[in-house]
C-alpha atoms as a PDB file:
ATOM      1  CA  MET A   1      67.245  47.167 108.720  1.00  0.00           C
ATOM      2  CA  THR A   2      63.909  45.904 110.083  1.00  0.00           C
ATOM      3  CA  ALA A   3      63.193  42.276 110.810  1.00  0.00           C
ATOM      4  CA  VAL A   4      61.097  42.022 107.607  1.00  0.00           C
ATOM      5  CA  GLY A   5      63.796  43.458 105.281  1.00  0.00           C
ATOM      6  CA  ARG A   6      66.686  41.423 107.158  1.00  0.00           C
ATOM      7  CA  PRO A   7      68.519  38.978 104.755  1.00  0.00           C
ATOM      8  CA  SER A   8      67.829  35.370 105.268  1.00  0.00           C
ATOM      9  CA  LEU A   9      70.443  33.238 107.020  1.00  0.00           C
ATOM     10  CA  ALA A  10      71.481  31.478 103.835  1.00  0.00           C
ATOM     11  CA  ARG A  11      71.854  34.812 102.106  1.00  0.00           C
ATOM     12  CA  ARG A  12      74.133  36.175 104.989  1.00  0.00           C
ATOM     13  CA  PHE A  13      76.030  32.993 104.831  1.00  0.00           C
ATOM     14  CA  VAL A  14      76.694  33.345 101.060  1.00  0.00           C
ATOM     15  CA  ARG A  15      77.746  37.057 101.638  1.00  0.00           C
ATOM     16  CA  HIS A  16      80.457  35.850 103.985  1.00  0.00           C
ATOM     17  CA  ARG A  17      83.322  35.341 101.479  1.00  0.00           C
ATOM     18  CA  GLY A  18      85.442  33.176 103.682  1.00  0.00           C
ATOM     19  CA  ALA A  19      82.609  30.877 104.593  1.00  0.00           C
ATOM     20  CA  THR A  20      81.675  30.475 100.901  1.00  0.00           C
ATOM     21  CA  ILE A  21      85.259  29.688  99.996  1.00  0.00           C
ATOM     22  CA  GLY A  22      85.458  27.212 103.014  1.00  0.00           C
ATOM     23  CA  LEU A  23      82.231  25.549 102.027  1.00  0.00           C
ATOM     24  CA  ALA A  24      83.454  25.221  98.324  1.00  0.00           C
ATOM     25  CA  VAL A  25      86.609  23.556  99.379  1.00  0.00           C
ATOM     26  CA  ILE A  26      84.804  21.109 101.717  1.00  0.00           C
ATOM     27  CA  ALA A  27      82.454  20.223  98.957  1.00  0.00           C
ATOM     28  CA  VAL A  28      85.411  19.410  96.682  1.00  0.00           C
ATOM     29  CA  VAL A  29      86.920  17.324  99.510  1.00  0.00           C
ATOM     30  CA  VAL A  30      83.745  15.420  99.964  1.00  0.00           C
ATOM     31  CA  VAL A  31      83.151  14.710  96.296  1.00  0.00           C
ATOM     32  CA  LEU A  32      86.798  13.546  95.997  1.00  0.00           C
ATOM     33  CA  ALA A  33      86.239  11.285  99.015  1.00  0.00           C
ATOM     34  CA  ILE A  34      83.233   9.662  97.543  1.00  0.00           C
ATOM     35  CA  VAL A  35      83.979   9.563  93.831  1.00  0.00           C
ATOM     36  CA  GLY A  36      87.763   9.638  93.739  1.00  0.00           C
ATOM     37  CA  PRO A  37      88.318   6.093  95.087  1.00  0.00           C
ATOM     38  CA  VAL A  38      85.812   4.746  92.514  1.00  0.00           C
ATOM     39  CA  VAL A  39      87.244   6.419  89.460  1.00  0.00           C
ATOM     40  CA  TRP A  40      91.031   6.644  90.231  1.00  0.00           C
ATOM     41  CA  PRO A  41      92.793   3.835  88.447  1.00  0.00           C
ATOM     42  CA  PHE A  42      95.292   3.019  91.246  1.00  0.00           C
ATOM     43  CA  ASP A  43      94.865   0.670  94.271  1.00  0.00           C
ATOM     44  CA  PRO A  44      95.988   2.573  97.488  1.00  0.00           C
ATOM     45  CA  TYR A  45      97.173  -0.692  99.010  1.00  0.00           C
ATOM     46  CA  LEU A  46      98.914  -2.203  95.842  1.00  0.00           C
ATOM     47  CA  SER A  47     102.717  -2.142  96.273  1.00  0.00           C
ATOM     48  CA  SER A  48     105.142  -2.012  93.273  1.00  0.00           C
ATOM     49  CA  ALA A  49     108.833  -2.477  93.494  1.00  0.00           C
ATOM     50  CA  ALA A  50     109.247  -0.574  90.142  1.00  0.00           C
ATOM     51  CA  ASP A  51     107.359   2.514  91.433  1.00  0.00           C
ATOM     52  CA  GLN A  52     109.096   2.981  94.808  1.00  0.00           C
ATOM     53  CA  LEU A  53     109.659   6.519  95.598  1.00  0.00           C
ATOM     54  CA  ALA A  54     108.588   7.696  92.204  1.00  0.00           C
ATOM     55  CA  PRO A  55     108.466  11.467  91.961  1.00  0.00           C
ATOM     56  CA  PRO A  56     105.213  13.517  91.282  1.00  0.00           C
ATOM     57  CA  GLY A  57     104.329  13.179  87.555  1.00  0.00           C
ATOM     58  CA  SER A  58     106.531  10.150  86.696  1.00  0.00           C
ATOM     59  CA  GLN A  59     105.391   6.698  85.874  1.00  0.00           C
ATOM     60  CA  GLY A  60     101.629   7.715  85.866  1.00  0.00           C
ATOM     61  CA  HIS A  61     101.650   8.901  89.519  1.00  0.00           C
ATOM     62  CA  PRO A  62     100.525  12.730  89.577  1.00  0.00           C
ATOM     63  CA  LEU A  63     101.400  13.001  93.347  1.00  0.00           C
ATOM     64  CA  GLY A  64     104.344  10.439  93.289  1.00  0.00           C
ATOM     65  CA  ALA A  65     104.586   7.026  95.010  1.00  0.00           C
ATOM     66  CA  ASP A  66     105.586   6.037  98.498  1.00  0.00           C
ATOM     67  CA  HIS A  67     108.552   3.867  99.678  1.00  0.00           C
ATOM     68  CA  LEU A  68     106.444   0.827  98.809  1.00  0.00           C
ATOM     69  CA  GLY A  69     105.387   2.026  95.269  1.00  0.00           C
ATOM     70  CA  ARG A  70     101.867   2.798  96.307  1.00  0.00           C
ATOM     71  CA  ASP A  71     100.209   5.712  94.601  1.00  0.00           C
ATOM     72  CA  VAL A  72     100.123   8.838  96.923  1.00  0.00           C
ATOM     73  CA  ALA A  73      97.073  10.301  95.185  1.00  0.00           C
ATOM     74  CA  ALA A  74      95.127   7.043  95.586  1.00  0.00           C
ATOM     75  CA  ARG A  75      95.851   6.892  99.246  1.00  0.00           C
ATOM     76  CA  MET A  76      94.973  10.456  99.728  1.00  0.00           C
ATOM     77  CA  LEU A  77      91.565  10.017  98.186  1.00  0.00           C
ATOM     78  CA  HIS A  78      90.751   7.159 100.422  1.00  0.00           C
ATOM     79  CA  GLY A  79      92.445   8.964 103.374  1.00  0.00           C
ATOM     80  CA  ALA A  80      89.886  11.986 102.796  1.00  0.00           C
ATOM     81  CA  ALA A  81      87.011   9.878 103.916  1.00  0.00           C
ATOM     82  CA  LEU A  82      88.772   8.507 106.803  1.00  0.00           C
ATOM     83  CA  SER A  83      89.853  11.859 108.183  1.00  0.00           C
ATOM     84  CA  LEU A  84      86.417  13.425 107.739  1.00  0.00           C
ATOM     85  CA  GLN A  85      84.953  10.405 109.367  1.00  0.00           C
ATOM     86  CA  VAL A  86      87.214  10.868 112.434  1.00  0.00           C
ATOM     87  CA  GLY A  87      86.113  14.566 112.773  1.00  0.00           C
ATOM     88  CA  LEU A  88      82.419  14.204 112.195  1.00  0.00           C
ATOM     89  CA  LEU A  89      81.926  10.991 114.326  1.00  0.00           C
ATOM     90  CA  ALA A  90      84.036  12.283 117.146  1.00  0.00           C
ATOM     91  CA  VAL A  91      82.260  15.690 117.366  1.00  0.00           C
ATOM     92  CA  GLY A  92      78.959  13.819 116.926  1.00  0.00           C
ATOM     93  CA  MET A  93      79.599  11.698 120.003  1.00  0.00           C
ATOM     94  CA  ALA A  94      80.876  14.820 121.924  1.00  0.00           C
ATOM     95  CA  VAL A  95      77.751  16.747 121.090  1.00  0.00           C
ATOM     96  CA  THR A  96      75.509  14.001 122.152  1.00  0.00           C
ATOM     97  CA  PHE A  97      77.138  13.551 125.528  1.00  0.00           C
ATOM     98  CA  GLY A  98      77.289  17.397 125.874  1.00  0.00           C
ATOM     99  CA  VAL A  99      73.539  17.598 125.354  1.00  0.00           C
ATOM    100  CA  LEU A 100      72.832  14.710 127.578  1.00  0.00           C
ATOM    101  CA  PHE A 101      74.630  16.148 130.576  1.00  0.00           C
ATOM    102  CA  GLY A 102      74.832  19.944 129.845  1.00  0.00           C
ATOM    103  CA  LEU A 103      71.126  20.302 129.396  1.00  0.00           C
ATOM    104  CA  PRO A 104      69.874  18.722 132.595  1.00  0.00           C
ATOM    105  CA  ALA A 105      72.833  20.499 134.487  1.00  0.00           C
ATOM    106  CA  GLY A 106      71.786  23.829 133.270  1.00  0.00           C
ATOM    107  CA  TYR A 107      68.080  23.316 133.536  1.00  0.00           C
ATOM    108  CA  PHE A 108      67.807  21.751 136.933  1.00  0.00           C
ATOM    109  CA  GLY A 109      70.820  23.448 138.575  1.00  0.00           C
ATOM    110  CA  GLY A 110      71.474  22.667 142.219  1.00  0.00           C
ATOM    111  CA  ARG A 111      72.927  19.260 143.152  1.00  0.00           C
ATOM    112  CA  THR A 112      72.603  18.021 139.548  1.00  0.00           C
ATOM    113  CA  ASP A 113      74.584  20.983 138.152  1.00  0.00           C
ATOM    114  CA  MET A 114      77.291  20.657 140.984  1.00  0.00           C
ATOM    115  CA  VAL A 115      77.870  16.909 140.291  1.00  0.00           C
ATOM    116  CA  VAL A 116      78.126  17.253 136.467  1.00  0.00           C
ATOM    117  CA  MET A 117      80.393  20.152 136.530  1.00  0.00           C
ATOM    118  CA  ARG A 118      82.600  18.764 139.177  1.00  0.00           C
ATOM    119  CA  VAL A 119      83.162  15.701 136.924  1.00  0.00           C
ATOM    120  CA  ILE A 120      83.713  18.052 133.958  1.00  0.00           C
ATOM    121  CA  ASP A 121      86.254  19.968 136.050  1.00  0.00           C
ATOM    122  CA  VAL A 122      88.278  16.851 136.655  1.00  0.00           C
ATOM    123  CA  ILE A 123      88.325  16.104 132.910  1.00  0.00           C
ATOM    124  CA  LEU A 124      89.373  19.498 132.168  1.00  0.00           C
ATOM    125  CA  ALA A 125      92.364  19.037 134.495  1.00  0.00           C
ATOM    126  CA  PHE A 126      93.977  17.113 131.635  1.00  0.00           C
ATOM    127  CA  PRO A 127      94.834  18.643 128.152  1.00  0.00           C
ATOM    128  CA  SER A 128      92.651  17.090 125.621  1.00  0.00           C
ATOM    129  CA  ILE A 129      95.527  15.598 123.506  1.00  0.00           C
ATOM    130  CA  LEU A 130      96.998  14.009 126.660  1.00  0.00           C
ATOM    131  CA  LEU A 131      93.513  12.613 127.690  1.00  0.00           C
ATOM    132  CA  ALA A 132      93.104  11.204 124.120  1.00  0.00           C
ATOM    133  CA  LEU A 133      96.503   9.564 124.293  1.00  0.00           C
ATOM    134  CA  SER A 134      95.593   8.049 127.665  1.00  0.00           C
ATOM    135  CA  ILE A 135      92.225   6.690 126.361  1.00  0.00           C
ATOM    136  CA  VAL A 136      93.782   5.201 123.269  1.00  0.00           C
ATOM    137  CA  SER A 137      96.591   3.604 125.342  1.00  0.00           C
ATOM    138  CA  ILE A 138      93.783   1.873 127.432  1.00  0.00           C
ATOM    139  CA  LEU A 139      91.589   0.836 124.603  1.00  0.00           C
ATOM    140  CA  GLY A 140      94.227  -0.049 122.113  1.00  0.00           C
ATOM    141  CA  SER A 141      95.502   1.456 118.800  1.00  0.00           C
ATOM    142  CA  SER A 142      93.006   1.644 116.125  1.00  0.00           C
ATOM    143  CA  LEU A 143      91.074   4.228 114.017  1.00  0.00           C
ATOM    144  CA  THR A 144      87.874   3.463 115.850  1.00  0.00           C
ATOM    145  CA  ASN A 145      89.430   3.957 119.353  1.00  0.00           C
ATOM    146  CA  ALA A 146      91.013   7.131 118.108  1.00  0.00           C
ATOM    147  CA  MET A 147      87.593   8.406 117.183  1.00  0.00           C
ATOM    148  CA  ILE A 148      86.271   7.471 120.598  1.00  0.00           C
ATOM    149  CA  ALA A 149      89.284   9.132 122.375  1.00  0.00           C
ATOM    150  CA  VAL A 150      88.910  12.410 120.537  1.00  0.00           C
ATOM    151  CA  GLY A 151      85.187  12.480 121.154  1.00  0.00           C
ATOM    152  CA  ILE A 152      85.454  11.961 124.900  1.00  0.00           C
ATOM    153  CA  SER A 153      88.505  14.398 125.070  1.00  0.00           C
ATOM    154  CA  VAL A 154      86.342  17.288 123.790  1.00  0.00           C
ATOM    155  CA  VAL A 155      83.097  16.307 125.705  1.00  0.00           C
ATOM    156  CA  PRO A 156      83.643  18.913 128.403  1.00  0.00           C
ATOM    157  CA  LEU A 157      83.654  21.719 125.891  1.00  0.00           C
ATOM    158  CA  TYR A 158      80.245  20.788 124.650  1.00  0.00           C
ATOM    159  CA  VAL A 159      78.870  20.256 128.148  1.00  0.00           C
ATOM    160  CA  ARG A 160      79.908  23.689 129.249  1.00  0.00           C
ATOM    161  CA  VAL A 161      78.488  25.222 126.157  1.00  0.00           C
ATOM    162  CA  VAL A 162      75.102  23.542 126.421  1.00  0.00           C
ATOM    163  CA  ARG A 163      74.996  24.245 130.113  1.00  0.00           C
ATOM    164  CA  GLY A 164      75.764  27.993 129.721  1.00  0.00           C
ATOM    165  CA  SER A 165      73.176  28.383 126.960  1.00  0.00           C
ATOM    166  CA  THR A 166      70.613  26.482 129.031  1.00  0.00           C
ATOM    167  CA  LEU A 167      71.236  28.763 131.992  1.00  0.00           C
ATOM    168  CA  ALA A 168      70.552  31.793 129.783  1.00  0.00           C
ATOM    169  CA  THR A 169      67.330  30.285 128.365  1.00  0.00           C
ATOM    170  CA  ARG A 170      65.562  28.440 131.246  1.00  0.00           C
ATOM    171  CA  ASP A 171      64.102  31.555 132.849  1.00  0.00           C
ATOM    172  CA  LEU A 172      62.734  33.293 129.826  1.00  0.00           C
ATOM    173  CA  LEU A 173      59.044  33.914 129.626  1.00  0.00           C
ATOM    174  CA  PHE A 174      58.065  31.202 127.136  1.00  0.00           C
ATOM    175  CA  VAL A 175      59.699  28.542 129.427  1.00  0.00           C
ATOM    176  CA  ASP A 176      57.918  29.864 132.379  1.00  0.00           C
ATOM    177  CA  ALA A 177      54.618  29.823 130.399  1.00  0.00           C
ATOM    178  CA  ALA A 178      55.378  26.296 129.593  1.00  0.00           C
ATOM    179  CA  ARG A 179      55.737  25.372 133.243  1.00  0.00           C
ATOM    180  CA  VAL A 180      52.577  27.121 134.103  1.00  0.00           C
ATOM    181  CA  VAL A 181      50.403  25.175 131.848  1.00  0.00           C
ATOM    182  CA  GLY A 182      51.911  21.947 133.222  1.00  0.00           C
ATOM    183  CA  VAL A 183      54.409  20.945 130.540  1.00  0.00           C
ATOM    184  CA  GLY A 184      56.723  18.300 131.872  1.00  0.00           C
ATOM    185  CA  HIS A 185      60.572  18.818 132.377  1.00  0.00           C
ATOM    186  CA  LEU A 186      61.684  16.492 129.585  1.00  0.00           C
ATOM    187  CA  GLU A 187      59.337  18.275 126.985  1.00  0.00           C
ATOM    188  CA  ILE A 188      60.566  21.753 128.155  1.00  0.00           C
ATOM    189  CA  MET A 189      64.111  20.724 127.656  1.00  0.00           C
ATOM    190  CA  GLY A 190      63.437  19.030 124.401  1.00  0.00           C
ATOM    191  CA  ARG A 191      60.846  21.184 122.717  1.00  0.00           C
ATOM    192  CA  HIS A 192      61.512  24.756 124.178  1.00  0.00           C
ATOM    193  CA  ILE A 193      65.123  24.857 125.461  1.00  0.00           C
ATOM    194  CA  PHE A 194      67.039  22.774 122.957  1.00  0.00           C
ATOM    195  CA  PRO A 195      65.905  24.529 119.801  1.00  0.00           C
ATOM    196  CA  ASN A 196      66.906  27.850 121.246  1.00  0.00           C
ATOM    197  CA  ILE A 197      70.586  26.680 122.095  1.00  0.00           C
ATOM    198  CA  LEU A 198      71.268  25.230 118.777  1.00  0.00           C
ATOM    199  CA  SER A 199      73.015  28.288 117.291  1.00  0.00           C
ATOM    200  CA  PRO A 200      76.153  28.303 119.584  1.00  0.00           C
ATOM    201  CA  LEU A 201      76.180  24.562 119.701  1.00  0.00           C
ATOM    202  CA  VAL A 202      76.303  24.377 115.874  1.00  0.00           C
ATOM    203  CA  VAL A 203      79.086  26.986 115.684  1.00  0.00           C
ATOM    204  CA  VAL A 204      81.216  25.283 118.269  1.00  0.00           C
ATOM    205  CA  ALA A 205      80.652  21.743 116.843  1.00  0.00           C
ATOM    206  CA  THR A 206      81.686  23.037 113.196  1.00  0.00           C
ATOM    207  CA  LEU A 207      84.962  24.569 114.502  1.00  0.00           C
ATOM    208  CA  GLY A 208      85.265  21.220 116.705  1.00  0.00           C
ATOM    209  CA  VAL A 209      85.360  19.155 113.640  1.00  0.00           C
ATOM    210  CA  ALA A 210      88.603  20.824 112.449  1.00  0.00           C
ATOM    211  CA  THR A 211      90.109  20.236 115.990  1.00  0.00           C
ATOM    212  CA  ALA A 212      89.065  16.685 115.907  1.00  0.00           C
ATOM    213  CA  ILE A 213      90.643  16.061 112.558  1.00  0.00           C
ATOM    214  CA  ILE A 214      93.908  17.469 113.770  1.00  0.00           C
ATOM    215  CA  VAL A 215      93.781  15.433 116.941  1.00  0.00           C
ATOM    216  CA  GLY A 216      92.912  12.348 115.096  1.00  0.00           C
ATOM    217  CA  ALA A 217      95.769  12.970 112.718  1.00  0.00           C
ATOM    218  CA  SER A 218      98.105  13.547 115.583  1.00  0.00           C
ATOM    219  CA  LEU A 219      97.242  10.158 117.206  1.00  0.00           C
ATOM    220  CA  SER A 220      97.739   8.364 113.776  1.00  0.00           C
ATOM    221  CA  PHE A 221     101.136  10.191 113.422  1.00  0.00           C
ATOM    222  CA  LEU A 222     102.096   8.832 116.699  1.00  0.00           C
ATOM    223  CA  GLY A 223     100.993   5.269 115.726  1.00  0.00           C
ATOM    224  CA  LEU A 224      98.033   5.252 118.101  1.00  0.00           C
ATOM    225  CA  GLY A 225      95.272   5.950 115.611  1.00  0.00           C
ATOM    226  CA  ALA A 226      94.893   4.461 112.061  1.00  0.00           C
ATOM    227  CA  GLN A 227      97.194   1.451 111.581  1.00  0.00           C
ATOM    228  CA  PRO A 228      99.111   0.524 108.516  1.00  0.00           C
ATOM    229  CA  PRO A 229      98.031   0.043 105.681  1.00  0.00           C
ATOM    230  CA  LEU A 230      95.140   2.320 106.207  1.00  0.00           C
ATOM    231  CA  PRO A 231      95.818   5.504 104.216  1.00  0.00           C
ATOM    232  CA  GLU A 232      94.631   8.005 106.922  1.00  0.00           C
ATOM    233  CA  TRP A 233      96.392  11.467 106.355  1.00  0.00           C
ATOM    234  CA  GLY A 234      98.071  11.527 109.788  1.00  0.00           C
ATOM    235  CA  ALA A 235      99.457   8.023 109.178  1.00  0.00           C
ATOM    236  CA  MET A 236     100.789   8.923 105.751  1.00  0.00           C
ATOM    237  CA  LEU A 237     102.704  11.860 107.569  1.00  0.00           C
ATOM    238  CA  SER A 238     104.168   9.331 109.800  1.00  0.00           C
ATOM    239  CA  GLU A 239     105.305   7.174 107.039  1.00  0.00           C
ATOM    240  CA  GLY A 240     106.731   9.853 105.063  1.00  0.00           C
ATOM    241  CA  ARG A 241     108.750  11.483 107.944  1.00  0.00           C
ATOM    242  CA  GLY A 242     111.628   9.212 107.364  1.00  0.00           C
ATOM    243  CA  PHE A 243     111.878  10.148 103.629  1.00  0.00           C
ATOM    244  CA  LEU A 244     111.684  14.036 103.823  1.00  0.00           C
ATOM    245  CA  GLN A 245     114.931  14.564 102.136  1.00  0.00           C
ATOM    246  CA  THR A 246     114.413  11.967  99.358  1.00  0.00           C
ATOM    247  CA  ALA A 247     110.662  11.783  99.055  1.00  0.00           C
ATOM    248  CA  TRP A 248     109.116  14.947 100.295  1.00  0.00           C
ATOM    249  CA  TRP A 249     105.873  14.457  98.470  1.00  0.00           C
ATOM    250  CA  MET A 250     105.039  11.669 100.931  1.00  0.00           C
ATOM    251  CA  SER A 251     104.414  14.017 103.787  1.00  0.00           C
ATOM    252  CA  VAL A 252     103.888  17.366 101.982  1.00  0.00           C
ATOM    253  CA  PHE A 253     100.742  16.421 100.141  1.00  0.00           C
ATOM    254  CA  PRO A 254      99.083  14.790 103.055  1.00  0.00           C
ATOM    255  CA  GLY A 255     100.051  17.783 105.272  1.00  0.00           C
ATOM    256  CA  LEU A 256      98.683  20.276 102.826  1.00  0.00           C
ATOM    257  CA  ALA A 257      95.380  18.270 102.807  1.00  0.00           C
ATOM    258  CA  ILE A 258      95.071  18.365 106.485  1.00  0.00           C
ATOM    259  CA  MET A 259      95.882  22.233 106.484  1.00  0.00           C
ATOM    260  CA  GLY A 260      93.397  22.956 103.585  1.00  0.00           C
ATOM    261  CA  THR A 261      90.629  21.017 105.127  1.00  0.00           C
ATOM    262  CA  VAL A 262      91.075  22.265 108.530  1.00  0.00           C
ATOM    263  CA  LEU A 263      91.282  25.924 107.333  1.00  0.00           C
ATOM    264  CA  ALA A 264      88.077  25.485 105.245  1.00  0.00           C
ATOM    265  CA  ILE A 265      86.216  24.159 108.224  1.00  0.00           C
ATOM    266  CA  ASN A 266      87.287  27.000 110.330  1.00  0.00           C
ATOM    267  CA  LEU A 267      86.198  29.484 107.641  1.00  0.00           C
ATOM    268  CA  ILE A 268      82.753  27.908 107.672  1.00  0.00           C
ATOM    269  CA  GLY A 269      82.708  28.037 111.545  1.00  0.00           C
ATOM    270  CA  ASP A 270      83.562  31.729 111.345  1.00  0.00           C
ATOM    271  CA  GLY A 271      80.808  32.409 108.802  1.00  0.00           C
ATOM    272  CA  LEU A 272      78.212  30.570 110.925  1.00  0.00           C
ATOM    273  CA  ARG A 273      79.225  32.487 113.982  1.00  0.00           C
ATOM    274  CA  ASP A 274      78.906  35.760 112.185  1.00  0.00           C
ATOM    275  CA  MET A 275      75.574  34.675 110.716  1.00  0.00           C
ATOM    276  CA  LEU A 276      73.963  33.423 113.914  1.00  0.00           C
ATOM    277  CA  ASP A 277      75.316  35.996 116.411  1.00  0.00           C
ATOM    278  CA  PRO A 278      72.414  38.493 116.714  1.00  0.00           C
ATOM    279  CA  ARG A 279      74.955  41.202 117.949  1.00  0.00           C
ATOM    280  CA  LEU A 280      76.497  41.161 114.478  1.00  0.00           C
ATOM    281  CA  ASN A 281      73.165  41.169 112.509  1.00  0.00           C
ATOM    282  CA  ARG A 282      71.404  44.324 113.892  1.00  0.00           C
ATOM    283  CA  GLU A 283      71.789  46.326 110.586  1.00  0.00           C
END
């Protein structure tokens, strides 16, 4: 198929069945996170002794109630916004640092590249979850600190992606032409190189949101992220682990929410990768 007859990016994305399903699931999660807390009749923080450990479907609780009588559905609706916030803000911070350090390292090379990559190599010596745990231990346990820890722990990935893409772009003809006419380094990096490295960065960032949600939930599960009574999904899993035999719904529903959201984001990432990879779009 010629370039003129090639389907648009949006059309190729829609043709990817997995990506379409993933986008639909995420759209539902986002709508529930925005609208659900407003229209749902239960307060996620209100305890009720009469409703303690109420099973799903009883006493007006479609997903049951927890050990304090709080509505599980209400807490999951509020927790959706918190979990998505962790993933998006953490990845946003990581992408920002990845561009700030990876772009100059790849463009200038030499000593700049050596210094940046040696620092990244040191950070990569620590597993991301261990690094996140260490950062939260230093900063203190809170949802905000968990976002910072998750973001910092994955910065090396984005630095390497941006650096590698920049190395492959900096010597192309249009970049050489910009140098010849006297365009400055900052303008070359910002106007000529950065737009051409967005494709791999978008794919990695999309998949990174799913990883950030899992790491953030893991920190909350360990008591180092969201603190009670915040209804973050990982924290809800932690609260329900002592009631698995008597009140399985306290852990199962938040666990399914995490699994479904992460799977949907991964499907979107796979679709974007297939859509933006020129090697897969030669037909």
